[in-house]
Amino acid sequence: MATVKTHVKKDDMVKIVAGKEKGKTAKVLRVFPAKGRVVVEGLNVIKRHTRPSQINPEGGIVEKEAPMSISNVMLICSSCNEAARTGVKKLEDGSKARYCKKCNASVDK
């Protein structure tokens, strides 16, 4: 599987645009570019049956967030507070920055 170009980074606020969590917004916890997946805080929660261990001496059923496809999330622009597509601009100093295609404002701080 090839690496997917990611439009979101860790700690970005995203809106879910497809799947069972559609319409909800949350923060990105982890990004897996090699697999094209993201883990979003509090969404796509699954239950795992775990054995007792030193970390979890009780064992039992543990709820945790599962990765979802990166194509199912859309970045929320901090200036217009809407889910928007993003582009990449090259700045004067040679660095790159993401921008909102709706309001043309920079997404990166």
PDB file of N, CA and C in Angstrom:
ATOM      1  N   MET A   1       0.839  -1.181   0.000  1.00  0.00           N
ATOM      2  CA  MET A   1       0.000   0.000   0.000  1.00  0.00           C
ATOM      3  C   MET A   1       0.884   1.246   0.000  1.00  0.00           C
ATOM      4  N   ALA A   2       0.563   2.200  -0.850  1.00  0.00           N
ATOM      5  CA  ALA A   2       1.354   3.418  -0.970  1.00  0.00           C
ATOM      6  C   ALA A   2       0.966   4.416   0.118  1.00  0.00           C
ATOM      7  N   THR A   3       1.889   5.321   0.419  1.00  0.00           N
ATOM      8  CA  THR A   3       1.634   6.360   1.405  1.00  0.00           C
ATOM      9  C   THR A   3       0.633   7.364   0.847  1.00  0.00           C
ATOM     10  N   VAL A   4      -0.342   7.735   1.665  1.00  0.00           N
ATOM     11  CA  VAL A   4      -1.369   8.682   1.266  1.00  0.00           C
ATOM     12  C   VAL A   4      -0.939  10.086   1.673  1.00  0.00           C
ATOM     13  N   LYS A   5      -1.147  11.072   0.784  1.00  0.00           N
ATOM     14  CA  LYS A   5      -0.843  12.456   1.107  1.00  0.00           C
ATOM     15  C   LYS A   5      -1.879  12.932   2.118  1.00  0.00           C
ATOM     16  N   THR A   6      -1.422  13.379   3.274  1.00  0.00           N
ATOM     17  CA  THR A   6      -2.348  13.741   4.341  1.00  0.00           C
ATOM     18  C   THR A   6      -2.670  15.234   4.313  1.00  0.00           C
ATOM     19  N   HIS A   7      -3.937  15.565   4.525  1.00  0.00           N
ATOM     20  CA  HIS A   7      -4.364  16.954   4.596  1.00  0.00           C
ATOM     21  C   HIS A   7      -4.635  17.377   6.032  1.00  0.00           C
ATOM     22  N   VAL A   8      -4.482  16.440   6.978  1.00  0.00           N
ATOM     23  CA  VAL A   8      -4.672  16.753   8.393  1.00  0.00           C
ATOM     24  C   VAL A   8      -3.428  16.345   9.172  1.00  0.00           C
ATOM     25  N   LYS A   9      -3.236  17.008  10.318  1.00  0.00           N
ATOM     26  CA  LYS A   9      -2.122  16.710  11.207  1.00  0.00           C
ATOM     27  C   LYS A   9      -2.665  16.453  12.604  1.00  0.00           C
ATOM     28  N   LYS A  10      -1.789  15.995  13.492  1.00  0.00           N
ATOM     29  CA  LYS A  10      -2.160  15.772  14.880  1.00  0.00           C
ATOM     30  C   LYS A  10      -2.631  17.090  15.495  1.00  0.00           C
ATOM     31  N   ASP A  11      -3.644  17.025  16.346  1.00  0.00           N
ATOM     32  CA  ASP A  11      -4.249  18.161  17.053  1.00  0.00           C
ATOM     33  C   ASP A  11      -5.095  19.076  16.170  1.00  0.00           C
ATOM     34  N   ASP A  12      -5.353  18.723  14.916  1.00  0.00           N
ATOM     35  CA  ASP A  12      -6.268  19.483  14.068  1.00  0.00           C
ATOM     36  C   ASP A  12      -7.708  19.164  14.464  1.00  0.00           C
ATOM     37  N   MET A  13      -8.605  20.140  14.328  1.00  0.00           N
ATOM     38  CA  MET A  13     -10.029  19.897  14.509  1.00  0.00           C
ATOM     39  C   MET A  13     -10.592  19.480  13.157  1.00  0.00           C
ATOM     40  N   VAL A  14     -11.325  18.360  13.144  1.00  0.00           N
ATOM     41  CA  VAL A  14     -11.865  17.838  11.894  1.00  0.00           C
ATOM     42  C   VAL A  14     -13.352  17.554  12.034  1.00  0.00           C
ATOM     43  N   LYS A  15     -14.038  17.525  10.891  1.00  0.00           N
ATOM     44  CA  LYS A  15     -15.442  17.136  10.824  1.00  0.00           C
ATOM     45  C   LYS A  15     -15.509  15.830  10.059  1.00  0.00           C
ATOM     46  N   ILE A  16     -16.306  14.879  10.547  1.00  0.00           N
ATOM     47  CA  ILE A  16     -16.466  13.593   9.884  1.00  0.00           C
ATOM     48  C   ILE A  16     -17.505  13.768   8.779  1.00  0.00           C
ATOM     49  N   VAL A  17     -17.141  13.417   7.543  1.00  0.00           N
ATOM     50  CA  VAL A  17     -18.028  13.643   6.409  1.00  0.00           C
ATOM     51  C   VAL A  17     -18.655  12.356   5.874  1.00  0.00           C
ATOM     52  N   ALA A  18     -18.250  11.195   6.392  1.00  0.00           N
ATOM     53  CA  ALA A  18     -18.820   9.925   5.934  1.00  0.00           C
ATOM     54  C   ALA A  18     -18.738   8.891   7.047  1.00  0.00           C
ATOM     55  N   GLY A  19     -19.619   7.926   6.998  1.00  0.00           N
ATOM     56  CA  GLY A  19     -19.596   6.834   7.967  1.00  0.00           C
ATOM     57  C   GLY A  19     -20.609   7.020   9.076  1.00  0.00           C
ATOM     58  N   LYS A  20     -20.528   6.165  10.088  1.00  0.00           N
ATOM     59  CA  LYS A  20     -21.529   6.172  11.161  1.00  0.00           C
ATOM     60  C   LYS A  20     -21.416   7.402  12.071  1.00  0.00           C
ATOM     61  N   GLU A  21     -20.267   8.069  12.077  1.00  0.00           N
ATOM     62  CA  GLU A  21     -20.060   9.250  12.917  1.00  0.00           C
ATOM     63  C   GLU A  21     -20.249  10.551  12.135  1.00  0.00           C
ATOM     64  N   LYS A  22     -20.874  10.491  10.969  1.00  0.00           N
ATOM     65  CA  LYS A  22     -21.016  11.639  10.055  1.00  0.00           C
ATOM     66  C   LYS A  22     -21.613  12.861  10.753  1.00  0.00           C
ATOM     67  N   GLY A  23     -20.990  14.022  10.527  1.00  0.00           N
ATOM     68  CA  GLY A  23     -21.480  15.279  11.071  1.00  0.00           C
ATOM     69  C   GLY A  23     -20.845  15.693  12.382  1.00  0.00           C
ATOM     70  N   LYS A  24     -20.123  14.796  13.048  1.00  0.00           N
ATOM     71  CA  LYS A  24     -19.507  15.109  14.336  1.00  0.00           C
ATOM     72  C   LYS A  24     -18.140  15.764  14.128  1.00  0.00           C
ATOM     73  N   THR A  25     -17.720  16.559  15.112  1.00  0.00           N
ATOM     74  CA  THR A  25     -16.412  17.200  15.055  1.00  0.00           C
ATOM     75  C   THR A  25     -15.589  16.781  16.269  1.00  0.00           C
ATOM     76  N   ALA A  26     -14.281  16.643  16.061  1.00  0.00           N
ATOM     77  CA  ALA A  26     -13.385  16.250  17.146  1.00  0.00           C
ATOM     78  C   ALA A  26     -11.944  16.531  16.748  1.00  0.00           C
ATOM     79  N   LYS A  27     -11.029  16.232  17.672  1.00  0.00           N
ATOM     80  CA  LYS A  27      -9.611  16.497  17.470  1.00  0.00           C
ATOM     81  C   LYS A  27      -8.891  15.222  17.008  1.00  0.00           C
ATOM     82  N   VAL A  28      -7.922  15.385  16.118  1.00  0.00           N
ATOM     83  CA  VAL A  28      -7.130  14.263  15.626  1.00  0.00           C
ATOM     84  C   VAL A  28      -6.085  13.900  16.676  1.00  0.00           C
ATOM     85  N   LEU A  29      -6.051  12.619  17.066  1.00  0.00           N
ATOM     86  CA  LEU A  29      -5.069  12.146  18.048  1.00  0.00           C
ATOM     87  C   LEU A  29      -3.810  11.599  17.386  1.00  0.00           C
ATOM     88  N   ARG A  30      -3.983  10.806  16.320  1.00  0.00           N
ATOM     89  CA  ARG A  30      -2.852  10.195  15.617  1.00  0.00           C
ATOM     90  C   ARG A  30      -3.142  10.138  14.129  1.00  0.00           C
ATOM     91  N   VAL A  31      -2.077  10.183  13.329  1.00  0.00           N
ATOM     92  CA  VAL A  31      -2.193  10.062  11.877  1.00  0.00           C
ATOM     93  C   VAL A  31      -1.271   8.931  11.435  1.00  0.00           C
ATOM     94  N   PHE A  32      -1.796   8.040  10.592  1.00  0.00           N
ATOM     95  CA  PHE A  32      -1.008   6.943  10.022  1.00  0.00           C
ATOM     96  C   PHE A  32      -0.927   7.146   8.512  1.00  0.00           C
ATOM     97  N   PRO A  33       0.063   7.938   8.002  1.00  0.00           N
ATOM     98  CA  PRO A  33       0.114   8.233   6.574  1.00  0.00           C
ATOM     99  C   PRO A  33       0.357   6.995   5.714  1.00  0.00           C
ATOM    100  N   ALA A  34       1.086   6.019   6.237  1.00  0.00           N
ATOM    101  CA  ALA A  34       1.379   4.806   5.458  1.00  0.00           C
ATOM    102  C   ALA A  34       0.112   3.997   5.194  1.00  0.00           C
ATOM    103  N   LYS A  35      -0.830   4.045   6.136  1.00  0.00           N
ATOM    104  CA  LYS A  35      -2.079   3.296   5.995  1.00  0.00           C
ATOM    105  C   LYS A  35      -3.233   4.174   5.528  1.00  0.00           C
ATOM    106  N   GLY A  36      -3.039   5.506   5.508  1.00  0.00           N
ATOM    107  CA  GLY A  36      -4.097   6.417   5.097  1.00  0.00           C
ATOM    108  C   GLY A  36      -5.230   6.472   6.097  1.00  0.00           C
ATOM    109  N   ARG A  37      -4.889   6.447   7.402  1.00  0.00           N
ATOM    110  CA  ARG A  37      -5.913   6.420   8.440  1.00  0.00           C
ATOM    111  C   ARG A  37      -5.594   7.428   9.542  1.00  0.00           C
ATOM    112  N   VAL A  38      -6.624   7.839  10.276  1.00  0.00           N
ATOM    113  CA  VAL A  38      -6.476   8.753  11.406  1.00  0.00           C
ATOM    114  C   VAL A  38      -7.271   8.235  12.590  1.00  0.00           C
ATOM    115  N   VAL A  39      -6.822   8.569  13.805  1.00  0.00           N
ATOM    116  CA  VAL A  39      -7.560   8.264  15.029  1.00  0.00           C
ATOM    117  C   VAL A  39      -8.099   9.589  15.542  1.00  0.00           C
ATOM    118  N   VAL A  40      -9.429   9.649  15.727  1.00  0.00           N
ATOM    119  CA  VAL A  40     -10.090  10.877  16.146  1.00  0.00           C
ATOM    120  C   VAL A  40     -10.623  10.685  17.560  1.00  0.00           C
ATOM    121  N   GLU A  41     -10.458  11.700  18.396  1.00  0.00           N
ATOM    122  CA  GLU A  41     -10.784  11.630  19.815  1.00  0.00           C
ATOM    123  C   GLU A  41     -12.279  11.383  20.055  1.00  0.00           C
ATOM    124  N   GLY A  42     -12.593  10.275  20.723  1.00  0.00           N
ATOM    125  CA  GLY A  42     -13.962   9.975  21.127  1.00  0.00           C
ATOM    126  C   GLY A  42     -14.881   9.451  20.034  1.00  0.00           C
ATOM    127  N   LEU A  43     -14.375   9.264  18.823  1.00  0.00           N
ATOM    128  CA  LEU A  43     -15.207   8.789  17.719  1.00  0.00           C
ATOM    129  C   LEU A  43     -14.698   7.454  17.197  1.00  0.00           C
ATOM    130  N   ASN A  44     -15.581   6.706  16.528  1.00  0.00           N
ATOM    131  CA  ASN A  44     -15.279   5.374  16.012  1.00  0.00           C
ATOM    132  C   ASN A  44     -14.785   4.458  17.135  1.00  0.00           C
ATOM    133  N   VAL A  45     -15.513   4.468  18.241  1.00  0.00           N
ATOM    134  CA  VAL A  45     -15.131   3.704  19.439  1.00  0.00           C
ATOM    135  C   VAL A  45     -15.498   2.238  19.256  1.00  0.00           C
ATOM    136  N   ILE A  46     -14.546   1.364  19.580  1.00  0.00           N
ATOM    137  CA  ILE A  46     -14.770  -0.077  19.506  1.00  0.00           C
ATOM    138  C   ILE A  46     -14.535  -0.691  20.887  1.00  0.00           C
ATOM    139  N   LYS A  47     -15.024  -1.899  21.087  1.00  0.00           N
ATOM    140  CA  LYS A  47     -14.825  -2.609  22.345  1.00  0.00           C
ATOM    141  C   LYS A  47     -13.851  -3.750  22.111  1.00  0.00           C
ATOM    142  N   ARG A  48     -12.869  -3.870  22.982  1.00  0.00           N
ATOM    143  CA  ARG A  48     -11.871  -4.923  22.896  1.00  0.00           C
ATOM    144  C   ARG A  48     -11.884  -5.737  24.191  1.00  0.00           C
ATOM    145  N   HIS A  49     -11.914  -7.047  24.059  1.00  0.00           N
ATOM    146  CA  HIS A  49     -11.835  -7.931  25.216  1.00  0.00           C
ATOM    147  C   HIS A  49     -10.357  -8.164  25.506  1.00  0.00           C
ATOM    148  N   THR A  50      -9.905  -7.749  26.698  1.00  0.00           N
ATOM    149  CA  THR A  50      -8.477  -7.833  27.020  1.00  0.00           C
ATOM    150  C   THR A  50      -8.237  -8.735  28.219  1.00  0.00           C
ATOM    151  N   ARG A  51      -7.078  -9.368  28.183  1.00  0.00           N
ATOM    152  CA  ARG A  51      -6.656 -10.198  29.301  1.00  0.00           C
ATOM    153  C   ARG A  51      -6.093  -9.308  30.407  1.00  0.00           C
ATOM    154  N   PRO A  52      -6.101  -9.773  31.650  1.00  0.00           N
ATOM    155  CA  PRO A  52      -5.456  -9.009  32.711  1.00  0.00           C
ATOM    156  C   PRO A  52      -3.950  -8.880  32.447  1.00  0.00           C
ATOM    157  N   SER A  53      -3.411  -7.685  32.704  1.00  0.00           N
ATOM    158  CA  SER A  53      -1.975  -7.436  32.542  1.00  0.00           C
ATOM    159  C   SER A  53      -1.527  -6.484  33.640  1.00  0.00           C
ATOM    160  N   GLN A  54      -0.245  -6.121  33.636  1.00  0.00           N
ATOM    161  CA  GLN A  54       0.241  -5.173  34.643  1.00  0.00           C
ATOM    162  C   GLN A  54      -0.394  -3.799  34.451  1.00  0.00           C
ATOM    163  N   ILE A  55      -0.598  -3.416  33.226  1.00  0.00           N
ATOM    164  CA  ILE A  55      -1.205  -2.111  32.940  1.00  0.00           C
ATOM    165  C   ILE A  55      -2.682  -2.116  33.309  1.00  0.00           C
ATOM    166  N   ASN A  56      -3.376  -3.199  32.948  1.00  0.00           N
ATOM    167  CA  ASN A  56      -4.806  -3.327  33.218  1.00  0.00           C
ATOM    168  C   ASN A  56      -5.030  -4.616  34.011  1.00  0.00           C
ATOM    169  N   PRO A  57      -4.863  -4.578  35.345  1.00  0.00           N
ATOM    170  CA  PRO A  57      -4.953  -5.818  36.135  1.00  0.00           C
ATOM    171  C   PRO A  57      -6.345  -6.448  36.152  1.00  0.00           C
ATOM    172  N   GLU A  58      -7.381  -5.658  35.903  1.00  0.00           N
ATOM    173  CA  GLU A  58      -8.738  -6.189  35.885  1.00  0.00           C
ATOM    174  C   GLU A  58      -9.034  -6.973  34.610  1.00  0.00           C
ATOM    175  N   GLY A  59      -8.503  -6.498  33.478  1.00  0.00           N
ATOM    176  CA  GLY A  59      -8.875  -7.112  32.207  1.00  0.00           C
ATOM    177  C   GLY A  59     -10.275  -6.681  31.838  1.00  0.00           C
ATOM    178  N   GLY A  60     -10.975  -7.493  31.065  1.00  0.00           N
ATOM    179  CA  GLY A  60     -12.361  -7.202  30.728  1.00  0.00           C
ATOM    180  C   GLY A  60     -12.510  -6.473  29.411  1.00  0.00           C
ATOM    181  N   ILE A  61     -13.627  -5.752  29.260  1.00  0.00           N
ATOM    182  CA  ILE A  61     -13.947  -5.073  28.011  1.00  0.00           C
ATOM    183  C   ILE A  61     -13.466  -3.626  28.086  1.00  0.00           C
ATOM    184  N   VAL A  62     -12.612  -3.250  27.139  1.00  0.00           N
ATOM    185  CA  VAL A  62     -12.038  -1.905  27.090  1.00  0.00           C
ATOM    186  C   VAL A  62     -12.541  -1.206  25.830  1.00  0.00           C
ATOM    187  N   GLU A  63     -12.998   0.039  25.988  1.00  0.00           N
ATOM    188  CA  GLU A  63     -13.423   0.826  24.830  1.00  0.00           C
ATOM    189  C   GLU A  63     -12.277   1.730  24.402  1.00  0.00           C
ATOM    190  N   LYS A  64     -12.006   1.762  23.079  1.00  0.00           N
ATOM    191  CA  LYS A  64     -10.957   2.639  22.575  1.00  0.00           C
ATOM    192  C   LYS A  64     -11.296   3.091  21.163  1.00  0.00           C
ATOM    193  N   GLU A  65     -10.637   4.181  20.737  1.00  0.00           N
ATOM    194  CA  GLU A  65     -10.878   4.716  19.399  1.00  0.00           C
ATOM    195  C   GLU A  65     -10.137   3.873  18.371  1.00  0.00           C
ATOM    196  N   ALA A  66     -10.803   3.582  17.272  1.00  0.00           N
ATOM    197  CA  ALA A  66     -10.196   2.823  16.182  1.00  0.00           C
ATOM    198  C   ALA A  66      -9.857   3.788  15.049  1.00  0.00           C
ATOM    199  N   PRO A  67      -8.840   3.465  14.249  1.00  0.00           N
ATOM    200  CA  PRO A  67      -8.517   4.327  13.114  1.00  0.00           C
ATOM    201  C   PRO A  67      -9.630   4.316  12.070  1.00  0.00           C
ATOM    202  N   MET A  68      -9.824   5.464  11.417  1.00  0.00           N
ATOM    203  CA  MET A  68     -10.782   5.572  10.316  1.00  0.00           C
ATOM    204  C   MET A  68     -10.056   6.137   9.106  1.00  0.00           C
ATOM    205  N   SER A  69     -10.645   5.981   7.950  1.00  0.00           N
ATOM    206  CA  SER A  69     -10.009   6.438   6.727  1.00  0.00           C
ATOM    207  C   SER A  69      -9.853   7.952   6.726  1.00  0.00           C
ATOM    208  N   ILE A  70      -8.705   8.409   6.248  1.00  0.00           N
ATOM    209  CA  ILE A  70      -8.418   9.844   6.224  1.00  0.00           C
ATOM    210  C   ILE A  70      -9.319  10.568   5.239  1.00  0.00           C
ATOM    211  N   SER A  71      -9.897   9.832   4.289  1.00  0.00           N
ATOM    212  CA  SER A  71     -10.803  10.451   3.324  1.00  0.00           C
ATOM    213  C   SER A  71     -12.152  10.783   3.944  1.00  0.00           C
ATOM    214  N   ASN A  72     -12.440  10.245   5.125  1.00  0.00           N
ATOM    215  CA  ASN A  72     -13.720  10.498   5.790  1.00  0.00           C
ATOM    216  C   ASN A  72     -13.691  11.712   6.706  1.00  0.00           C
ATOM    217  N   VAL A  73     -12.546  12.410   6.801  1.00  0.00           N
ATOM    218  CA  VAL A  73     -12.457  13.591   7.657  1.00  0.00           C
ATOM    219  C   VAL A  73     -12.117  14.817   6.823  1.00  0.00           C
ATOM    220  N   MET A  74     -12.608  15.970   7.290  1.00  0.00           N
ATOM    221  CA  MET A  74     -12.366  17.232   6.617  1.00  0.00           C
ATOM    222  C   MET A  74     -11.914  18.249   7.659  1.00  0.00           C
ATOM    223  N   LEU A  75     -10.854  18.977   7.365  1.00  0.00           N
ATOM    224  CA  LEU A  75     -10.292  19.952   8.284  1.00  0.00           C
ATOM    225  C   LEU A  75     -11.253  21.112   8.510  1.00  0.00           C
ATOM    226  N   ILE A  76     -11.364  21.564   9.771  1.00  0.00           N
ATOM    227  CA  ILE A  76     -12.184  22.724  10.087  1.00  0.00           C
ATOM    228  C   ILE A  76     -11.273  23.940  10.134  1.00  0.00           C
ATOM    229  N   CYS A  77     -11.604  24.946   9.316  1.00  0.00           N
ATOM    230  CA  CYS A  77     -10.826  26.187   9.249  1.00  0.00           C
ATOM    231  C   CYS A  77     -11.035  26.968  10.543  1.00  0.00           C
ATOM    232  N   SER A  78      -9.946  27.473  11.132  1.00  0.00           N
ATOM    233  CA  SER A  78     -10.045  28.202  12.396  1.00  0.00           C
ATOM    234  C   SER A  78     -10.628  29.601  12.217  1.00  0.00           C
ATOM    235  N   SER A  79     -10.517  30.186  11.018  1.00  0.00           N
ATOM    236  CA  SER A  79     -11.030  31.547  10.826  1.00  0.00           C
ATOM    237  C   SER A  79     -12.507  31.568  10.433  1.00  0.00           C
ATOM    238  N   CYS A  80     -12.944  30.666   9.533  1.00  0.00           N
ATOM    239  CA  CYS A  80     -14.357  30.678   9.119  1.00  0.00           C
ATOM    240  C   CYS A  80     -15.193  29.613   9.840  1.00  0.00           C
ATOM    241  N   ASN A  81     -14.557  28.771  10.670  1.00  0.00           N
ATOM    242  CA  ASN A  81     -15.230  27.737  11.470  1.00  0.00           C
ATOM    243  C   ASN A  81     -16.117  26.815  10.651  1.00  0.00           C
ATOM    244  N   GLU A  82     -15.681  26.471   9.448  1.00  0.00           N
ATOM    245  CA  GLU A  82     -16.397  25.538   8.600  1.00  0.00           C
ATOM    246  C   GLU A  82     -15.442  24.466   8.104  1.00  0.00           C
ATOM    247  N   ALA A  83     -15.995  23.303   7.760  1.00  0.00           N
ATOM    248  CA  ALA A  83     -15.191  22.251   7.158  1.00  0.00           C
ATOM    249  C   ALA A  83     -14.877  22.685   5.726  1.00  0.00           C
ATOM    250  N   ALA A  84     -13.605  22.665   5.375  1.00  0.00           N
ATOM    251  CA  ALA A  84     -13.209  23.167   4.059  1.00  0.00           C
ATOM    252  C   ALA A  84     -12.067  22.349   3.498  1.00  0.00           C
ATOM    253  N   ARG A  85     -11.983  22.359   2.175  1.00  0.00           N
ATOM    254  CA  ARG A  85     -10.839  21.747   1.521  1.00  0.00           C
ATOM    255  C   ARG A  85      -9.631  22.654   1.745  1.00  0.00           C
ATOM    256  N   THR A  86      -8.447  22.055   1.726  1.00  0.00           N
ATOM    257  CA  THR A  86      -7.247  22.842   1.952  1.00  0.00           C
ATOM    258  C   THR A  86      -6.305  22.724   0.771  1.00  0.00           C
ATOM    259  N   GLY A  87      -5.504  23.764   0.608  1.00  0.00           N
ATOM    260  CA  GLY A  87      -4.452  23.771  -0.386  1.00  0.00           C
ATOM    261  C   GLY A  87      -3.139  24.077   0.304  1.00  0.00           C
ATOM    262  N   VAL A  88      -2.057  24.038  -0.453  1.00  0.00           N
ATOM    263  CA  VAL A  88      -0.744  24.339   0.104  1.00  0.00           C
ATOM    264  C   VAL A  88      -0.145  25.492  -0.671  1.00  0.00           C
ATOM    265  N   LYS A  89       0.277  26.533   0.069  1.00  0.00           N
ATOM    266  CA  LYS A  89       0.935  27.694  -0.531  1.00  0.00           C
ATOM    267  C   LYS A  89       2.397  27.689  -0.123  1.00  0.00           C
ATOM    268  N   LYS A  90       3.245  28.144  -1.012  1.00  0.00           N
ATOM    269  CA  LYS A  90       4.653  28.311  -0.694  1.00  0.00           C
ATOM    270  C   LYS A  90       4.853  29.749  -0.237  1.00  0.00           C
ATOM    271  N   LEU A  91       5.416  29.925   0.953  1.00  0.00           N
ATOM    272  CA  LEU A  91       5.615  31.258   1.510  1.00  0.00           C
ATOM    273  C   LEU A  91       6.915  31.880   0.995  1.00  0.00           C
ATOM    274  N   GLU A  92       7.105  33.183   1.301  1.00  0.00           N
ATOM    275  CA  GLU A  92       8.284  33.912   0.835  1.00  0.00           C
ATOM    276  C   GLU A  92       9.588  33.290   1.332  1.00  0.00           C
ATOM    277  N   ASP A  93       9.563  32.775   2.572  1.00  0.00           N
ATOM    278  CA  ASP A  93      10.783  32.195   3.138  1.00  0.00           C
ATOM    279  C   ASP A  93      11.057  30.770   2.645  1.00  0.00           C
ATOM    280  N   GLY A  94      10.222  30.268   1.747  1.00  0.00           N
ATOM    281  CA  GLY A  94      10.444  28.943   1.166  1.00  0.00           C
ATOM    282  C   GLY A  94       9.687  27.822   1.843  1.00  0.00           C
ATOM    283  N   SER A  95       9.076  28.095   3.009  1.00  0.00           N
ATOM    284  CA  SER A  95       8.319  27.052   3.705  1.00  0.00           C
ATOM    285  C   SER A  95       6.919  26.938   3.105  1.00  0.00           C
ATOM    286  N   LYS A  96       6.243  25.857   3.442  1.00  0.00           N
ATOM    287  CA  LYS A  96       4.902  25.613   2.935  1.00  0.00           C
ATOM    288  C   LYS A  96       3.894  25.764   4.072  1.00  0.00           C
ATOM    289  N   ALA A  97       2.692  26.223   3.744  1.00  0.00           N
ATOM    290  CA  ALA A  97       1.629  26.377   4.731  1.00  0.00           C
ATOM    291  C   ALA A  97       0.294  26.005   4.099  1.00  0.00           C
ATOM    292  N   ARG A  98      -0.561  25.369   4.887  1.00  0.00           N
ATOM    293  CA  ARG A  98      -1.893  25.011   4.405  1.00  0.00           C
ATOM    294  C   ARG A  98      -2.807  26.231   4.485  1.00  0.00           C
ATOM    295  N   TYR A  99      -3.755  26.322   3.540  1.00  0.00           N
ATOM    296  CA  TYR A  99      -4.727  27.410   3.568  1.00  0.00           C
ATOM    297  C   TYR A  99      -6.114  26.878   3.256  1.00  0.00           C
ATOM    298  N   CYS A 100      -7.132  27.592   3.750  1.00  0.00           N
ATOM    299  CA  CYS A 100      -8.524  27.240   3.527  1.00  0.00           C
ATOM    300  C   CYS A 100      -8.940  27.717   2.148  1.00  0.00           C
ATOM    301  N   LYS A 101      -9.560  26.852   1.352  1.00  0.00           N
ATOM    302  CA  LYS A 101      -9.977  27.228   0.009  1.00  0.00           C
ATOM    303  C   LYS A 101     -11.287  28.010   0.000  1.00  0.00           C
ATOM    304  N   LYS A 102     -11.991  28.078   1.159  1.00  0.00           N
ATOM    305  CA  LYS A 102     -13.227  28.865   1.237  1.00  0.00           C
ATOM    306  C   LYS A 102     -12.921  30.331   1.524  1.00  0.00           C
ATOM    307  N   CYS A 103     -12.098  30.589   2.578  1.00  0.00           N
ATOM    308  CA  CYS A 103     -11.847  31.970   2.992  1.00  0.00           C
ATOM    309  C   CYS A 103     -10.424  32.427   2.673  1.00  0.00           C
ATOM    310  N   ASN A 104      -9.603  31.558   2.108  1.00  0.00           N
ATOM    311  CA  ASN A 104      -8.228  31.870   1.698  1.00  0.00           C
ATOM    312  C   ASN A 104      -7.316  32.254   2.882  1.00  0.00           C
ATOM    313  N   ALA A 105      -7.706  31.892   4.114  1.00  0.00           N
ATOM    314  CA  ALA A 105      -6.898  32.175   5.282  1.00  0.00           C
ATOM    315  C   ALA A 105      -5.963  31.005   5.577  1.00  0.00           C
ATOM    316  N   SER A 106      -4.850  31.296   6.226  1.00  0.00           N
ATOM    317  CA  SER A 106      -3.888  30.259   6.580  1.00  0.00           C
ATOM    318  C   SER A 106      -4.445  29.381   7.705  1.00  0.00           C
ATOM    319  N   VAL A 107      -4.267  28.073   7.575  1.00  0.00           N
ATOM    320  CA  VAL A 107      -4.738  27.123   8.588  1.00  0.00           C
ATOM    321  C   VAL A 107      -3.653  26.888   9.618  1.00  0.00           C
ATOM    322  N   ASP A 108      -2.395  26.850   9.174  1.00  0.00           N
ATOM    323  CA  ASP A 108      -1.267  26.635  10.080  1.00  0.00           C
ATOM    324  C   ASP A 108      -0.974  27.911  10.843  1.00  0.00           C
ATOM    325  N   LYS A 109      -0.564  27.725  12.104  1.00  0.00           N
ATOM    326  CA  LYS A 109      -0.267  28.892  12.933  1.00  0.00           C
ATOM    327  C   LYS A 109       1.059  29.500  12.570  1.00  0.00           C
TER     328      LYS A 109
END
